[in-house]
Full PDB file with SEQRES, HELIX, SHEET, SSBOND, CRYST1, ORIGX, SCALE, CONECT and MASTER records, all heavy atoms in Angstrom:
SEQRES   1 A   41  LEU TRP SER PRO TRP LYS LEU GLN GLY ASP GLU LEU VAL          
SEQRES   2 A   41  ALA ALA LYS GLN ASP ALA LEU ARG VAL SER LEU ALA GLU          
SEQRES   3 A   41  GLN GLN ALA ALA GLY ILE ASP ILE VAL SER ASP GLY GLU          
SEQRES   4 A   41  GLN THR                                                      
HELIX    1 AA1 GLY A    9  ALA A   29  1                                  21    
CRYST1    1.000    1.000    1.000  90.00  90.00  90.00 P 1           1          
ORIGX1      1.000000  0.000000  0.000000        0.00000                         
ORIGX2      0.000000  1.000000  0.000000        0.00000                         
ORIGX3      0.000000  0.000000  1.000000        0.00000                         
SCALE1      1.000000  0.000000  0.000000        0.00000                         
SCALE2      0.000000  1.000000  0.000000        0.00000                         
SCALE3      0.000000  0.000000  1.000000        0.00000                         
ATOM      1  N   LEU A   1     183.136 171.003  56.007  1.00  0.00           N  
ATOM      2  CA  LEU A   1     184.070 170.597  54.980  1.00  0.00           C  
ATOM      3  C   LEU A   1     183.450 170.812  53.603  1.00  0.00           C  
ATOM      4  O   LEU A   1     182.302 170.441  53.369  1.00  0.00           O  
ATOM      5  CB  LEU A   1     184.433 169.128  55.182  1.00  0.00           C  
ATOM      6  CG  LEU A   1     185.625 168.588  54.421  1.00  0.00           C  
ATOM      7  CD1 LEU A   1     186.892 169.365  54.760  1.00  0.00           C  
ATOM      8  CD2 LEU A   1     185.821 167.119  54.755  1.00  0.00           C  
ATOM      9  N   TRP A   2     184.194 171.411  52.691  1.00  0.00           N  
ATOM     10  CA  TRP A   2     183.743 171.726  51.333  1.00  0.00           C  
ATOM     11  C   TRP A   2     182.499 172.613  51.332  1.00  0.00           C  
ATOM     12  O   TRP A   2     181.620 172.484  50.477  1.00  0.00           O  
ATOM     13  CB  TRP A   2     183.473 170.480  50.494  1.00  0.00           C  
ATOM     14  CG  TRP A   2     184.710 169.754  50.092  1.00  0.00           C  
ATOM     15  CD1 TRP A   2     185.669 170.188  49.238  1.00  0.00           C  
ATOM     16  CD2 TRP A   2     185.118 168.455  50.518  1.00  0.00           C  
ATOM     17  NE1 TRP A   2     186.658 169.247  49.119  1.00  0.00           N  
ATOM     18  CE2 TRP A   2     186.344 168.168  49.896  1.00  0.00           C  
ATOM     19  CE3 TRP A   2     184.565 167.509  51.381  1.00  0.00           C  
ATOM     20  CZ2 TRP A   2     187.025 166.983  50.103  1.00  0.00           C  
ATOM     21  CZ3 TRP A   2     185.250 166.336  51.575  1.00  0.00           C  
ATOM     22  CH2 TRP A   2     186.457 166.084  50.944  1.00  0.00           C  
ATOM     23  N   SER A   3     182.408 173.509  52.278  1.00  0.00           N  
ATOM     24  CA  SER A   3     181.272 174.423  52.332  1.00  0.00           C  
ATOM     25  C   SER A   3     181.249 175.278  51.069  1.00  0.00           C  
ATOM     26  O   SER A   3     182.265 175.877  50.701  1.00  0.00           O  
ATOM     27  CB  SER A   3     181.379 175.331  53.561  1.00  0.00           C  
ATOM     28  OG  SER A   3     180.318 176.247  53.577  1.00  0.00           O  
ATOM     29  N   PRO A   4     180.121 175.345  50.387  1.00  0.00           N  
ATOM     30  CA  PRO A   4     180.065 176.172  49.176  1.00  0.00           C  
ATOM     31  C   PRO A   4     180.210 177.650  49.515  1.00  0.00           C  
ATOM     32  O   PRO A   4     179.835 178.100  50.601  1.00  0.00           O  
ATOM     33  CB  PRO A   4     178.682 175.873  48.590  1.00  0.00           C  
ATOM     34  CG  PRO A   4     177.899 175.244  49.676  1.00  0.00           C  
ATOM     35  CD  PRO A   4     178.861 174.668  50.677  1.00  0.00           C  
ATOM     36  N   TRP A   5     180.780 178.380  48.577  1.00  0.00           N  
ATOM     37  CA  TRP A   5     180.901 179.820  48.749  1.00  0.00           C  
ATOM     38  C   TRP A   5     179.515 180.447  48.733  1.00  0.00           C  
ATOM     39  O   TRP A   5     178.632 179.996  48.013  1.00  0.00           O  
ATOM     40  CB  TRP A   5     181.741 180.437  47.629  1.00  0.00           C  
ATOM     41  CG  TRP A   5     183.136 179.912  47.530  1.00  0.00           C  
ATOM     42  CD1 TRP A   5     183.682 179.252  46.468  1.00  0.00           C  
ATOM     43  CD2 TRP A   5     184.175 179.990  48.506  1.00  0.00           C  
ATOM     44  NE1 TRP A   5     184.993 178.924  46.730  1.00  0.00           N  
ATOM     45  CE2 TRP A   5     185.321 179.374  47.972  1.00  0.00           C  
ATOM     46  CE3 TRP A   5     184.254 180.537  49.783  1.00  0.00           C  
ATOM     47  CZ2 TRP A   5     186.530 179.279  48.668  1.00  0.00           C  
ATOM     48  CZ3 TRP A   5     185.456 180.438  50.472  1.00  0.00           C  
ATOM     49  CH2 TRP A   5     186.569 179.825  49.919  1.00  0.00           C  
ATOM     50  N   LYS A   6     179.338 181.506  49.484  1.00  0.00           N  
ATOM     51  CA  LYS A   6     178.046 182.195  49.555  1.00  0.00           C  
ATOM     52  C   LYS A   6     177.926 183.290  48.499  1.00  0.00           C  
ATOM     53  O   LYS A   6     176.858 183.874  48.359  1.00  0.00           O  
ATOM     54  CB  LYS A   6     177.829 182.765  50.957  1.00  0.00           C  
ATOM     55  CG  LYS A   6     177.649 181.676  52.002  1.00  0.00           C  
ATOM     56  CD  LYS A   6     177.277 182.263  53.337  1.00  0.00           C  
ATOM     57  CE  LYS A   6     176.976 181.155  54.347  1.00  0.00           C  
ATOM     58  NZ  LYS A   6     176.586 181.713  55.644  1.00  0.00           N  
ATOM     59  N   LEU A   7     179.003 183.576  47.789  1.00  0.00           N  
ATOM     60  CA  LEU A   7     179.010 184.619  46.765  1.00  0.00           C  
ATOM     61  C   LEU A   7     179.615 184.059  45.486  1.00  0.00           C  
ATOM     62  O   LEU A   7     180.166 182.956  45.483  1.00  0.00           O  
ATOM     63  CB  LEU A   7     179.820 185.821  47.261  1.00  0.00           C  
ATOM     64  CG  LEU A   7     179.336 186.446  48.572  1.00  0.00           C  
ATOM     65  CD1 LEU A   7     180.414 187.317  49.176  1.00  0.00           C  
ATOM     66  CD2 LEU A   7     178.075 187.243  48.337  1.00  0.00           C  
ATOM     67  N   GLN A   8     179.548 184.859  44.417  1.00  0.00           N  
ATOM     68  CA  GLN A   8     180.118 184.432  43.137  1.00  0.00           C  
ATOM     69  C   GLN A   8     180.800 185.605  42.454  1.00  0.00           C  
ATOM     70  O   GLN A   8     180.588 186.765  42.822  1.00  0.00           O  
ATOM     71  CB  GLN A   8     179.014 183.897  42.220  1.00  0.00           C  
ATOM     72  CG  GLN A   8     178.332 182.653  42.720  1.00  0.00           C  
ATOM     73  CD  GLN A   8     177.218 182.204  41.787  1.00  0.00           C  
ATOM     74  OE1 GLN A   8     177.058 182.720  40.689  1.00  0.00           O  
ATOM     75  NE2 GLN A   8     176.443 181.233  42.233  1.00  0.00           N  
ATOM     76  N   GLY A   9     181.601 185.289  41.445  1.00  0.00           N  
ATOM     77  CA  GLY A   9     182.206 186.313  40.604  1.00  0.00           C  
ATOM     78  C   GLY A   9     183.075 187.291  41.372  1.00  0.00           C  
ATOM     79  O   GLY A   9     183.818 186.932  42.286  1.00  0.00           O  
ATOM     80  N   ASP A  10     182.963 188.567  40.975  1.00  0.00           N  
ATOM     81  CA  ASP A  10     183.777 189.624  41.596  1.00  0.00           C  
ATOM     82  C   ASP A  10     183.478 189.784  43.085  1.00  0.00           C  
ATOM     83  O   ASP A  10     184.376 190.112  43.866  1.00  0.00           O  
ATOM     84  CB  ASP A  10     183.557 190.964  40.885  1.00  0.00           C  
ATOM     85  CG  ASP A  10     184.146 190.970  39.477  1.00  0.00           C  
ATOM     86  OD1 ASP A  10     185.008 190.103  39.177  1.00  0.00           O  
ATOM     87  OD2 ASP A  10     183.739 191.832  38.672  1.00  0.00           O  
ATOM     88  N   GLU A  11     182.211 189.544  43.471  1.00  0.00           N  
ATOM     89  CA  GLU A  11     181.865 189.635  44.896  1.00  0.00           C  
ATOM     90  C   GLU A  11     182.602 188.568  45.703  1.00  0.00           C  
ATOM     91  O   GLU A  11     183.030 188.828  46.823  1.00  0.00           O  
ATOM     92  CB  GLU A  11     180.356 189.489  45.095  1.00  0.00           C  
ATOM     93  CG  GLU A  11     179.550 190.689  44.644  1.00  0.00           C  
ATOM     94  CD  GLU A  11     178.057 190.495  44.888  1.00  0.00           C  
ATOM     95  OE1 GLU A  11     177.567 189.342  44.798  1.00  0.00           O  
ATOM     96  OE2 GLU A  11     177.398 191.494  45.185  1.00  0.00           O  
ATOM     97  N   LEU A  12     182.748 187.384  45.123  1.00  0.00           N  
ATOM     98  CA  LEU A  12     183.473 186.318  45.811  1.00  0.00           C  
ATOM     99  C   LEU A  12     184.951 186.679  45.947  1.00  0.00           C  
ATOM    100  O   LEU A  12     185.538 186.492  47.012  1.00  0.00           O  
ATOM    101  CB  LEU A  12     183.316 184.985  45.072  1.00  0.00           C  
ATOM    102  CG  LEU A  12     184.096 183.798  45.659  1.00  0.00           C  
ATOM    103  CD1 LEU A  12     183.714 183.534  47.109  1.00  0.00           C  
ATOM    104  CD2 LEU A  12     183.886 182.564  44.803  1.00  0.00           C  
ATOM    105  N   VAL A  13     185.551 187.200  44.897  1.00  0.00           N  
ATOM    106  CA  VAL A  13     186.958 187.601  44.965  1.00  0.00           C  
ATOM    107  C   VAL A  13     187.150 188.634  46.065  1.00  0.00           C  
ATOM    108  O   VAL A  13     188.062 188.518  46.896  1.00  0.00           O  
ATOM    109  CB  VAL A  13     187.437 188.150  43.598  1.00  0.00           C  
ATOM    110  CG1 VAL A  13     188.836 188.758  43.720  1.00  0.00           C  
ATOM    111  CG2 VAL A  13     187.421 187.053  42.544  1.00  0.00           C  
ATOM    112  N   ALA A  14     186.284 189.640  46.108  1.00  0.00           N  
ATOM    113  CA  ALA A  14     186.380 190.688  47.142  1.00  0.00           C  
ATOM    114  C   ALA A  14     186.165 190.101  48.534  1.00  0.00           C  
ATOM    115  O   ALA A  14     186.865 190.474  49.489  1.00  0.00           O  
ATOM    116  CB  ALA A  14     185.374 191.797  46.865  1.00  0.00           C  
ATOM    117  N   ALA A  15     185.218 189.192  48.673  1.00  0.00           N  
ATOM    118  CA  ALA A  15     184.938 188.583  49.979  1.00  0.00           C  
ATOM    119  C   ALA A  15     186.111 187.734  50.457  1.00  0.00           C  
ATOM    120  O   ALA A  15     186.460 187.746  51.642  1.00  0.00           O  
ATOM    121  CB  ALA A  15     183.668 187.741  49.901  1.00  0.00           C  
ATOM    122  N   LYS A  16     186.747 187.004  49.552  1.00  0.00           N  
ATOM    123  CA  LYS A  16     187.926 186.223  49.922  1.00  0.00           C  
ATOM    124  C   LYS A  16     189.049 187.148  50.386  1.00  0.00           C  
ATOM    125  O   LYS A  16     189.748 186.847  51.354  1.00  0.00           O  
ATOM    126  CB  LYS A  16     188.401 185.377  48.742  1.00  0.00           C  
ATOM    127  CG  LYS A  16     187.518 184.187  48.423  1.00  0.00           C  
ATOM    128  CD  LYS A  16     188.087 183.471  47.198  1.00  0.00           C  
ATOM    129  CE  LYS A  16     187.300 182.263  46.791  1.00  0.00           C  
ATOM    130  NZ  LYS A  16     187.880 181.601  45.604  1.00  0.00           N  
ATOM    131  N   GLN A  17     189.219 188.267  49.698  1.00  0.00           N  
ATOM    132  CA  GLN A  17     190.257 189.215  50.106  1.00  0.00           C  
ATOM    133  C   GLN A  17     189.930 189.830  51.457  1.00  0.00           C  
ATOM    134  O   GLN A  17     190.821 190.010  52.287  1.00  0.00           O  
ATOM    135  CB  GLN A  17     190.445 190.289  49.033  1.00  0.00           C  
ATOM    136  CG  GLN A  17     191.092 189.736  47.780  1.00  0.00           C  
ATOM    137  CD  GLN A  17     191.260 190.769  46.681  1.00  0.00           C  
ATOM    138  OE1 GLN A  17     190.673 191.848  46.712  1.00  0.00           O  
ATOM    139  NE2 GLN A  17     192.069 190.438  45.686  1.00  0.00           N  
ATOM    140  N   ASP A  18     188.664 190.123  51.703  1.00  0.00           N  
ATOM    141  CA  ASP A  18     188.265 190.625  53.019  1.00  0.00           C  
ATOM    142  C   ASP A  18     188.554 189.586  54.098  1.00  0.00           C  
ATOM    143  O   ASP A  18     189.066 189.913  55.173  1.00  0.00           O  
ATOM    144  CB  ASP A  18     186.780 190.990  53.036  1.00  0.00           C  
ATOM    145  CG  ASP A  18     186.470 192.267  52.263  1.00  0.00           C  
ATOM    146  OD1 ASP A  18     187.417 193.030  51.961  1.00  0.00           O  
ATOM    147  OD2 ASP A  18     185.279 192.493  51.954  1.00  0.00           O  
ATOM    148  N   ALA A  19     188.211 188.318  53.818  1.00  0.00           N  
ATOM    149  CA  ALA A  19     188.464 187.246  54.783  1.00  0.00           C  
ATOM    150  C   ALA A  19     189.957 187.092  55.034  1.00  0.00           C  
ATOM    151  O   ALA A  19     190.389 186.861  56.172  1.00  0.00           O  
ATOM    152  CB  ALA A  19     187.868 185.937  54.274  1.00  0.00           C  
ATOM    153  N   LEU A  20     190.745 187.249  53.986  1.00  0.00           N  
ATOM    154  CA  LEU A  20     192.188 187.171  54.134  1.00  0.00           C  
ATOM    155  C   LEU A  20     192.698 188.302  55.013  1.00  0.00           C  
ATOM    156  O   LEU A  20     193.549 188.085  55.889  1.00  0.00           O  
ATOM    157  CB  LEU A  20     192.833 187.215  52.747  1.00  0.00           C  
ATOM    158  CG  LEU A  20     194.209 186.601  52.644  1.00  0.00           C  
ATOM    159  CD1 LEU A  20     194.389 185.959  51.288  1.00  0.00           C  
ATOM    160  CD2 LEU A  20     195.258 187.627  52.893  1.00  0.00           C  
ATOM    161  N   ARG A  21     192.154 189.504  54.828  1.00  0.00           N  
ATOM    162  CA  ARG A  21     192.548 190.642  55.672  1.00  0.00           C  
ATOM    163  C   ARG A  21     192.204 190.381  57.141  1.00  0.00           C  
ATOM    164  O   ARG A  21     192.998 190.675  58.038  1.00  0.00           O  
ATOM    165  CB  ARG A  21     191.845 191.919  55.215  1.00  0.00           C  
ATOM    166  CG  ARG A  21     192.423 192.564  53.995  1.00  0.00           C  
ATOM    167  CD  ARG A  21     191.722 193.908  53.744  1.00  0.00           C  
ATOM    168  NE  ARG A  21     191.965 194.400  52.427  1.00  0.00           N  
ATOM    169  CZ  ARG A  21     191.140 194.268  51.384  1.00  0.00           C  
ATOM    170  NH1 ARG A  21     189.979 193.663  51.499  1.00  0.00           N  
ATOM    171  NH2 ARG A  21     191.472 194.766  50.217  1.00  0.00           N  
ATOM    172  N   VAL A  22     191.007 189.848  57.385  1.00  0.00           N  
ATOM    173  CA  VAL A  22     190.578 189.545  58.760  1.00  0.00           C  
ATOM    174  C   VAL A  22     191.508 188.498  59.370  1.00  0.00           C  
ATOM    175  O   VAL A  22     191.973 188.642  60.504  1.00  0.00           O  
ATOM    176  CB  VAL A  22     189.108 189.064  58.787  1.00  0.00           C  
ATOM    177  CG1 VAL A  22     188.741 188.485  60.142  1.00  0.00           C  
ATOM    178  CG2 VAL A  22     188.165 190.199  58.407  1.00  0.00           C  
ATOM    179  N   SER A  23     191.799 187.447  58.617  1.00  0.00           N  
ATOM    180  CA  SER A  23     192.680 186.388  59.095  1.00  0.00           C  
ATOM    181  C   SER A  23     194.067 186.939  59.422  1.00  0.00           C  
ATOM    182  O   SER A  23     194.656 186.613  60.461  1.00  0.00           O  
ATOM    183  CB  SER A  23     192.783 185.292  58.024  1.00  0.00           C  
ATOM    184  OG  SER A  23     193.720 184.326  58.382  1.00  0.00           O  
ATOM    185  N   LEU A  24     194.575 187.787  58.551  1.00  0.00           N  
ATOM    186  CA  LEU A  24     195.886 188.407  58.775  1.00  0.00           C  
ATOM    187  C   LEU A  24     195.865 189.273  60.034  1.00  0.00           C  
ATOM    188  O   LEU A  24     196.765 189.182  60.873  1.00  0.00           O  
ATOM    189  CB  LEU A  24     196.290 189.250  57.557  1.00  0.00           C  
ATOM    190  CG  LEU A  24     197.596 190.035  57.682  1.00  0.00           C  
ATOM    191  CD1 LEU A  24     198.782 189.100  57.929  1.00  0.00           C  
ATOM    192  CD2 LEU A  24     197.809 190.885  56.440  1.00  0.00           C  
ATOM    193  N   ALA A  25     194.824 190.085  60.199  1.00  0.00           N  
ATOM    194  CA  ALA A  25     194.725 190.959  61.377  1.00  0.00           C  
ATOM    195  C   ALA A  25     194.660 190.126  62.666  1.00  0.00           C  
ATOM    196  O   ALA A  25     195.281 190.496  63.676  1.00  0.00           O  
ATOM    197  CB  ALA A  25     193.495 191.858  61.264  1.00  0.00           C  
ATOM    198  N   GLU A  26     193.947 189.013  62.624  1.00  0.00           N  
ATOM    199  CA  GLU A  26     193.859 188.147  63.809  1.00  0.00           C  
ATOM    200  C   GLU A  26     195.228 187.552  64.143  1.00  0.00           C  
ATOM    201  O   GLU A  26     195.609 187.473  65.316  1.00  0.00           O  
ATOM    202  CB  GLU A  26     192.836 187.037  63.587  1.00  0.00           C  
ATOM    203  CG  GLU A  26     191.400 187.545  63.586  1.00  0.00           C  
ATOM    204  CD  GLU A  26     190.379 186.480  63.219  1.00  0.00           C  
ATOM    205  OE1 GLU A  26     190.771 185.399  62.718  1.00  0.00           O  
ATOM    206  OE2 GLU A  26     189.181 186.741  63.424  1.00  0.00           O  
ATOM    207  N   GLN A  27     195.964 187.135  63.127  1.00  0.00           N  
ATOM    208  CA  GLN A  27     197.298 186.581  63.372  1.00  0.00           C  
ATOM    209  C   GLN A  27     198.230 187.646  63.930  1.00  0.00           C  
ATOM    210  O   GLN A  27     198.996 187.386  64.869  1.00  0.00           O  
ATOM    211  CB  GLN A  27     197.876 186.003  62.073  1.00  0.00           C  
ATOM    212  CG  GLN A  27     197.144 184.763  61.593  1.00  0.00           C  
ATOM    213  CD  GLN A  27     197.648 184.343  60.234  1.00  0.00           C  
ATOM    214  OE1 GLN A  27     198.736 183.772  60.122  1.00  0.00           O  
ATOM    215  NE2 GLN A  27     196.872 184.614  59.191  1.00  0.00           N  
ATOM    216  N   GLN A  28     198.164 188.850  63.366  1.00  0.00           N  
ATOM    217  CA  GLN A  28     199.021 189.929  63.847  1.00  0.00           C  
ATOM    218  C   GLN A  28     198.667 190.315  65.289  1.00  0.00           C  
ATOM    219  O   GLN A  28     199.554 190.530  66.106  1.00  0.00           O  
ATOM    220  CB  GLN A  28     198.930 191.128  62.906  1.00  0.00           C  
ATOM    221  CG  GLN A  28     199.571 190.840  61.561  1.00  0.00           C  
ATOM    222  CD  GLN A  28     199.316 191.914  60.517  1.00  0.00           C  
ATOM    223  OE1 GLN A  28     198.263 192.536  60.488  1.00  0.00           O  
ATOM    224  NE2 GLN A  28     200.284 192.121  59.635  1.00  0.00           N  
ATOM    225  N   ALA A  29     197.379 190.365  65.592  1.00  0.00           N  
ATOM    226  CA  ALA A  29     196.950 190.700  66.961  1.00  0.00           C  
ATOM    227  C   ALA A  29     197.403 189.634  67.959  1.00  0.00           C  
ATOM    228  O   ALA A  29     197.679 189.945  69.117  1.00  0.00           O  
ATOM    229  CB  ALA A  29     195.432 190.859  67.005  1.00  0.00           C  
ATOM    230  N   ALA A  30     197.499 188.392  67.493  1.00  0.00           N  
ATOM    231  CA  ALA A  30     197.940 187.299  68.367  1.00  0.00           C  
ATOM    232  C   ALA A  30     199.463 187.241  68.495  1.00  0.00           C  
ATOM    233  O   ALA A  30     199.986 186.428  69.259  1.00  0.00           O  
ATOM    234  CB  ALA A  30     197.409 185.968  67.842  1.00  0.00           C  
ATOM    235  N   GLY A  31     200.170 188.081  67.734  1.00  0.00           N  
ATOM    236  CA  GLY A  31     201.627 188.097  67.815  1.00  0.00           C  
ATOM    237  C   GLY A  31     202.304 187.038  66.970  1.00  0.00           C  
ATOM    238  O   GLY A  31     203.467 186.697  67.214  1.00  0.00           O  
ATOM    239  N   ILE A  32     201.621 186.519  65.970  1.00  0.00           N  
ATOM    240  CA  ILE A  32     202.203 185.505  65.088  1.00  0.00           C  
ATOM    241  C   ILE A  32     203.303 186.159  64.250  1.00  0.00           C  
ATOM    242  O   ILE A  32     203.098 187.208  63.653  1.00  0.00           O  
ATOM    243  CB  ILE A  32     201.118 184.876  64.181  1.00  0.00           C  
ATOM    244  CG1 ILE A  32     200.029 184.191  65.022  1.00  0.00           C  
ATOM    245  CG2 ILE A  32     201.725 183.932  63.155  1.00  0.00           C  
ATOM    246  CD1 ILE A  32     200.510 183.030  65.845  1.00  0.00           C  
ATOM    247  N   ASP A  33     204.460 185.530  64.196  1.00  0.00           N  
ATOM    248  CA  ASP A  33     205.603 186.088  63.473  1.00  0.00           C  
ATOM    249  C   ASP A  33     205.564 185.778  61.980  1.00  0.00           C  
ATOM    250  O   ASP A  33     205.876 186.629  61.157  1.00  0.00           O  
ATOM    251  CB  ASP A  33     206.919 185.542  64.052  1.00  0.00           C  
ATOM    252  CG  ASP A  33     207.097 185.912  65.514  1.00  0.00           C  
ATOM    253  OD1 ASP A  33     206.954 187.109  65.835  1.00  0.00           O  
ATOM    254  OD2 ASP A  33     207.366 185.003  66.326  1.00  0.00           O  
ATOM    255  N   ILE A  34     205.254 184.551  61.620  1.00  0.00           N  
ATOM    256  CA  ILE A  34     205.193 184.119  60.225  1.00  0.00           C  
ATOM    257  C   ILE A  34     203.724 183.881  59.907  1.00  0.00           C  
ATOM    258  O   ILE A  34     203.126 182.915  60.384  1.00  0.00           O  
ATOM    259  CB  ILE A  34     206.005 182.832  59.991  1.00  0.00           C  
ATOM    260  CG1 ILE A  34     207.453 183.036  60.443  1.00  0.00           C  
ATOM    261  CG2 ILE A  34     205.943 182.421  58.521  1.00  0.00           C  
ATOM    262  CD1 ILE A  34     208.264 181.754  60.500  1.00  0.00           C  
ATOM    263  N   VAL A  35     203.131 184.770  59.141  1.00  0.00           N  
ATOM    264  CA  VAL A  35     201.687 184.718  58.899  1.00  0.00           C  
ATOM    265  C   VAL A  35     201.367 183.858  57.682  1.00  0.00           C  
ATOM    266  O   VAL A  35     202.248 183.520  56.888  1.00  0.00           O  
ATOM    267  CB  VAL A  35     201.102 186.141  58.726  1.00  0.00           C  
ATOM    268  CG1 VAL A  35     201.280 186.957  60.005  1.00  0.00           C  
ATOM    269  CG2 VAL A  35     201.720 186.845  57.530  1.00  0.00           C  
ATOM    270  N   SER A  36     200.089 183.527  57.544  1.00  0.00           N  
ATOM    271  CA  SER A  36     199.625 182.743  56.399  1.00  0.00           C  
ATOM    272  C   SER A  36     198.320 183.334  55.883  1.00  0.00           C  
ATOM    273  O   SER A  36     197.785 184.277  56.460  1.00  0.00           O  
ATOM    274  CB  SER A  36     199.406 181.283  56.810  1.00  0.00           C  
ATOM    275  OG  SER A  36     198.204 181.154  57.547  1.00  0.00           O  
ATOM    276  N   ASP A  37     197.817 182.734  54.825  1.00  0.00           N  
ATOM    277  CA  ASP A  37     196.531 183.167  54.280  1.00  0.00           C  
ATOM    278  C   ASP A  37     195.368 182.599  55.089  1.00  0.00           C  
ATOM    279  O   ASP A  37     194.227 182.949  54.847  1.00  0.00           O  
ATOM    280  CB  ASP A  37     196.407 182.749  52.820  1.00  0.00           C  
ATOM    281  CG  ASP A  37     196.338 181.242  52.632  1.00  0.00           C  
ATOM    282  OD1 ASP A  37     196.942 180.497  53.439  1.00  0.00           O  
ATOM    283  OD2 ASP A  37     195.690 180.794  51.676  1.00  0.00           O  
ATOM    284  N   GLY A  38     195.665 181.709  56.030  1.00  0.00           N  
ATOM    285  CA  GLY A  38     194.609 181.067  56.803  1.00  0.00           C  
ATOM    286  C   GLY A  38     193.717 180.182  55.940  1.00  0.00           C  
ATOM    287  O   GLY A  38     192.664 179.746  56.365  1.00  0.00           O  
ATOM    288  N   GLU A  39     194.157 179.962  54.700  1.00  0.00           N  
ATOM    289  CA  GLU A  39     193.405 179.177  53.712  1.00  0.00           C  
ATOM    290  C   GLU A  39     192.014 179.760  53.464  1.00  0.00           C  
ATOM    291  O   GLU A  39     191.056 179.039  53.193  1.00  0.00           O  
ATOM    292  CB  GLU A  39     193.353 177.708  54.112  1.00  0.00           C  
ATOM    293  CG  GLU A  39     194.740 177.086  54.153  1.00  0.00           C  
ATOM    294  CD  GLU A  39     194.749 175.622  54.486  1.00  0.00           C  
ATOM    295  OE1 GLU A  39     193.770 174.923  54.200  1.00  0.00           O  
ATOM    296  OE2 GLU A  39     195.767 175.170  55.045  1.00  0.00           O  
ATOM    297  N   GLN A  40     191.916 181.073  53.507  1.00  0.00           N  
ATOM    298  CA  GLN A  40     190.627 181.746  53.322  1.00  0.00           C  
ATOM    299  C   GLN A  40     190.127 181.693  51.883  1.00  0.00           C  
ATOM    300  O   GLN A  40     188.940 181.855  51.635  1.00  0.00           O  
ATOM    301  CB  GLN A  40     190.721 183.204  53.778  1.00  0.00           C  
ATOM    302  CG  GLN A  40     191.049 183.357  55.245  1.00  0.00           C  
ATOM    303  CD  GLN A  40     190.018 182.703  56.146  1.00  0.00           C  
ATOM    304  OE1 GLN A  40     188.842 183.013  56.077  1.00  0.00           O  
ATOM    305  NE2 GLN A  40     190.459 181.783  56.981  1.00  0.00           N  
ATOM    306  N   THR A  41     191.026 181.471  50.936  1.00  0.00           N  
ATOM    307  CA  THR A  41     190.627 181.516  49.528  1.00  0.00           C  
ATOM    308  C   THR A  41     190.368 180.139  48.929  1.00  0.00           C  
ATOM    309  O   THR A  41     190.143 180.021  47.736  1.00  0.00           O  
ATOM    310  CB  THR A  41     191.709 182.237  48.690  1.00  0.00           C  
ATOM    311  OG1 THR A  41     192.929 181.504  48.788  1.00  0.00           O  
ATOM    312  CG2 THR A  41     191.908 183.666  49.178  1.00  0.00           C  
TER     313      THR A  41                                                      
MASTER        0    0    0    1    0    0    0    6  312    1    0    4          
END                                                                             
């Protein structure tokens, strides 16, 4: 809970977007119809 981010600045923004992509791909692979951000950001 409240784990600090491991990156900062532009690297953090890019990492959050990568995590969001991974979360989205996992939901799509599982057949989820209404997807979310998985609260990755």
